[in-house]
Amino acid sequence: MDPFVLIGRLVLATFLGGILGVEREARSQSAGLRTHTLVALGSCCFTLSSIYTEWMLQPGVSPGGSQADISRIASQIVVGIGFLGAGVILREGGAVKGLTTAANLWVTAAVGLACGLGMYLAAGVTVGLALLSLVVLRPVARALTPMTGRHGRHNDEDGDPANGEDPRPK
């Protein structure tokens, strides 16, 4: 693989992962800019490594008829990112927090994988749609979800939150 293509894919994955991380960082989430850039970069590197392995083990080149299946590394990225995502999910009383950040990390891994495969359009569109979901849909979700019982919090009798604060995410 051309070194400039390889470097370009790694840089693009890092940049696009960073775009998703900036949104989480701005919301002071536990997995922010650096975590997202590293997830995308690592996913891209694993993907490039699996592509290189398949190329090295192609018929006529590989020793003893060895074979590689690039989908195996990709599937392990999907499974492995679940472990990292689980680390940002917290339970506070009756509320569960961090699900959106965990899902965003999962999408970030997909962006890195797509960059590694050279699927630049898919990676860019995925980042755009993810940002749409994270930023534009936030007020829609707030409008659709009633305040009572939001995220496991209890309101007092007159409908105001028990602690006097709006429990909805900002």
Protein backbone atom coordinates (compact mmCIF):
# COMPACT_ATOMS: atom_id res chain seq x y z
CA MET A 1 0.00 0.00 0.00
CA ASP A 2 1.26 3.46 -0.90
CA PRO A 3 2.64 5.12 2.26
CA PHE A 4 0.78 8.36 1.48
CA VAL A 5 -2.54 6.49 1.22
CA LEU A 6 -1.83 4.73 4.51
CA ILE A 7 -0.93 7.99 6.28
CA GLY A 8 -3.92 9.75 4.71
CA ARG A 9 -6.32 7.10 5.99
CA LEU A 10 -4.86 7.29 9.50
CA VAL A 11 -5.00 11.10 9.55
CA LEU A 12 -8.56 11.18 8.19
CA ALA A 13 -9.75 8.64 10.77
CA THR A 14 -8.14 10.65 13.57
CA PHE A 15 -9.66 13.90 12.29
CA LEU A 16 -13.17 12.49 11.84
CA GLY A 17 -13.05 10.76 15.22
CA GLY A 18 -11.97 14.07 16.71
CA ILE A 19 -14.99 15.82 15.23
CA LEU A 20 -17.25 13.40 17.08
CA GLY A 21 -15.15 13.76 20.22
CA VAL A 22 -15.40 17.55 20.25
CA GLU A 23 -19.17 17.33 20.69
CA ARG A 24 -18.79 14.95 23.65
CA GLU A 25 -15.98 17.07 25.11
CA ALA A 26 -18.16 20.18 24.91
CA ARG A 27 -20.74 18.30 27.00
CA SER A 28 -18.06 17.32 29.56
CA GLN A 29 -18.60 13.62 28.92
CA SER A 30 -16.16 11.04 30.26
CA ALA A 31 -15.07 9.99 26.76
CA GLY A 32 -14.24 13.16 24.88
CA LEU A 33 -11.91 14.43 22.19
CA ARG A 34 -8.83 12.32 22.93
CA THR A 35 -10.79 9.10 23.50
CA HIS A 36 -12.68 9.47 20.23
CA THR A 37 -9.58 10.29 18.20
CA LEU A 38 -7.78 7.27 19.65
CA VAL A 39 -10.72 4.93 18.97
CA ALA A 40 -10.93 6.02 15.32
CA LEU A 41 -7.15 5.88 14.87
CA GLY A 42 -6.88 2.44 16.47
CA SER A 43 -9.78 1.06 14.44
CA CYS A 44 -8.20 2.38 11.25
CA CYS A 45 -4.81 0.93 12.12
CA PHE A 46 -6.33 -2.49 12.89
CA THR A 47 -8.19 -2.36 9.58
CA LEU A 48 -5.09 -1.39 7.62
CA SER A 49 -3.19 -4.18 9.34
CA SER A 50 -5.83 -6.71 8.37
CA ILE A 51 -5.83 -5.49 4.75
CA TYR A 52 -2.03 -5.72 4.66
CA THR A 53 -2.15 -9.22 6.15
CA GLU A 54 -4.59 -10.37 3.46
CA TRP A 55 -2.38 -8.86 0.76
CA MET A 56 0.73 -10.56 2.18
CA LEU A 57 -1.01 -13.94 2.35
CA GLN A 58 -2.56 -13.94 -1.11
CA PRO A 59 -2.17 -17.06 -3.25
CA GLY A 60 1.29 -17.37 -4.76
CA VAL A 61 2.81 -14.99 -2.20
CA SER A 62 1.88 -16.58 1.11
CA PRO A 63 3.99 -19.33 2.65
CA GLY A 64 2.36 -22.76 2.69
CA GLY A 65 -1.03 -21.64 1.37
CA SER A 66 -1.86 -19.48 4.41
CA GLN A 67 -5.00 -17.36 4.19
CA ALA A 68 -6.30 -14.25 5.93
CA ASP A 69 -9.83 -13.07 6.55
CA ILE A 70 -9.93 -9.30 7.04
CA SER A 71 -13.45 -9.49 8.44
CA ARG A 72 -12.14 -11.23 11.56
CA ILE A 73 -10.23 -8.19 12.78
CA ALA A 74 -13.13 -5.89 11.89
CA SER A 75 -15.55 -8.04 13.87
CA GLN A 76 -13.23 -7.96 16.87
CA ILE A 77 -13.14 -4.15 16.71
CA VAL A 78 -16.93 -4.12 16.95
CA VAL A 79 -16.89 -6.50 19.91
CA GLY A 80 -13.92 -4.89 21.64
CA ILE A 81 -15.32 -1.38 21.49
CA GLY A 82 -18.23 -2.64 23.59
CA PHE A 83 -15.84 -3.07 26.49
CA LEU A 84 -14.65 0.53 26.21
CA GLY A 85 -18.22 1.76 25.81
CA ALA A 86 -19.30 -0.11 28.92
CA GLY A 87 -16.71 1.84 30.86
CA VAL A 88 -18.49 5.15 30.22
CA ILE A 89 -21.94 3.91 31.22
CA LEU A 90 -22.67 4.82 34.82
CA ARG A 91 -25.61 4.36 37.11
CA GLU A 92 -26.48 7.17 39.49
CA GLY A 93 -29.44 6.21 41.64
CA GLY A 94 -32.19 5.27 39.22
CA ALA A 95 -30.53 7.07 36.30
CA VAL A 96 -28.26 5.53 33.71
CA LYS A 97 -25.76 7.92 32.13
CA GLY A 98 -23.26 7.57 29.34
CA LEU A 99 -25.29 5.58 26.83
CA THR A 100 -24.99 8.24 24.13
CA THR A 101 -21.24 8.52 24.66
CA ALA A 102 -20.90 4.72 24.49
CA ALA A 103 -22.90 4.66 21.27
CA ASN A 104 -20.79 7.50 19.91
CA LEU A 105 -17.61 5.52 20.64
CA TRP A 106 -19.09 2.59 18.74
CA VAL A 107 -19.82 4.85 15.75
CA THR A 108 -16.31 6.32 16.02
CA ALA A 109 -14.86 2.81 15.72
CA ALA A 110 -16.93 2.31 12.57
CA VAL A 111 -15.58 5.59 11.16
CA GLY A 112 -12.01 4.42 11.79
CA LEU A 113 -12.75 1.07 10.19
CA ALA A 114 -14.29 2.76 7.14
CA CYS A 115 -11.24 5.04 6.77
CA GLY A 116 -8.97 2.02 6.99
CA LEU A 117 -10.90 0.36 4.19
CA GLY A 118 -10.74 3.51 2.06
CA MET A 119 -14.47 4.16 2.33
CA TYR A 120 -14.04 7.90 2.76
CA LEU A 121 -17.54 8.91 1.70
CA ALA A 122 -19.11 6.44 4.13
CA ALA A 123 -16.86 7.71 6.94
CA GLY A 124 -17.70 11.36 6.25
CA VAL A 125 -21.45 10.77 5.91
CA THR A 126 -21.41 8.71 9.10
CA VAL A 127 -19.75 11.57 11.00
CA GLY A 128 -22.30 14.03 9.57
CA LEU A 129 -25.26 11.87 10.53
CA ALA A 130 -23.80 11.19 13.97
CA LEU A 131 -23.40 14.92 14.59
CA LEU A 132 -26.95 15.45 13.39
CA SER A 133 -28.10 12.89 15.95
CA LEU A 134 -25.98 14.34 18.75
CA VAL A 135 -26.59 18.04 18.20
CA VAL A 136 -29.73 18.64 16.16
CA LEU A 137 -31.82 15.89 17.73
CA ARG A 138 -31.01 16.89 21.34
CA PRO A 139 -33.80 19.52 21.55
CA VAL A 140 -36.20 17.15 19.78
CA ALA A 141 -35.50 14.43 22.35
CA ARG A 142 -35.98 16.94 25.18
CA ALA A 143 -39.32 18.04 23.72
CA LEU A 144 -40.53 14.46 23.31
CA THR A 145 -39.53 13.27 26.77
CA PRO A 146 -41.67 14.45 29.67
CA MET A 147 -39.79 15.91 32.62
CA THR A 148 -41.43 13.62 35.15
CA GLY A 149 -39.29 10.63 35.79
CA ARG A 150 -36.67 11.68 33.26
CA HIS A 151 -33.53 9.59 33.77
CA GLY A 152 -34.95 8.00 36.90
CA ARG A 153 -35.37 11.23 38.83
CA HIS A 154 -38.49 11.91 40.84
CA ASN A 155 -40.44 15.13 40.84
CA ASP A 156 -42.31 16.60 43.77
CA GLU A 157 -46.10 16.90 43.78
CA ASP A 158 -46.39 20.10 41.78
CA GLY A 159 -44.40 18.67 38.87
CA ASP A 160 -41.12 20.43 39.58
CA PRO A 161 -37.98 18.35 39.99
CA ALA A 162 -37.28 17.43 43.61
CA ASN A 163 -33.97 19.33 43.67
CA GLY A 164 -35.37 22.38 41.83
CA GLU A 165 -33.23 21.83 38.72
CA ASP A 166 -34.23 20.82 35.23
CA PRO A 167 -33.21 17.13 35.00
CA ARG A 168 -33.04 17.12 31.22
CA PRO A 169 -29.60 17.10 29.57
CA LYS A 170 -28.40 20.49 28.38
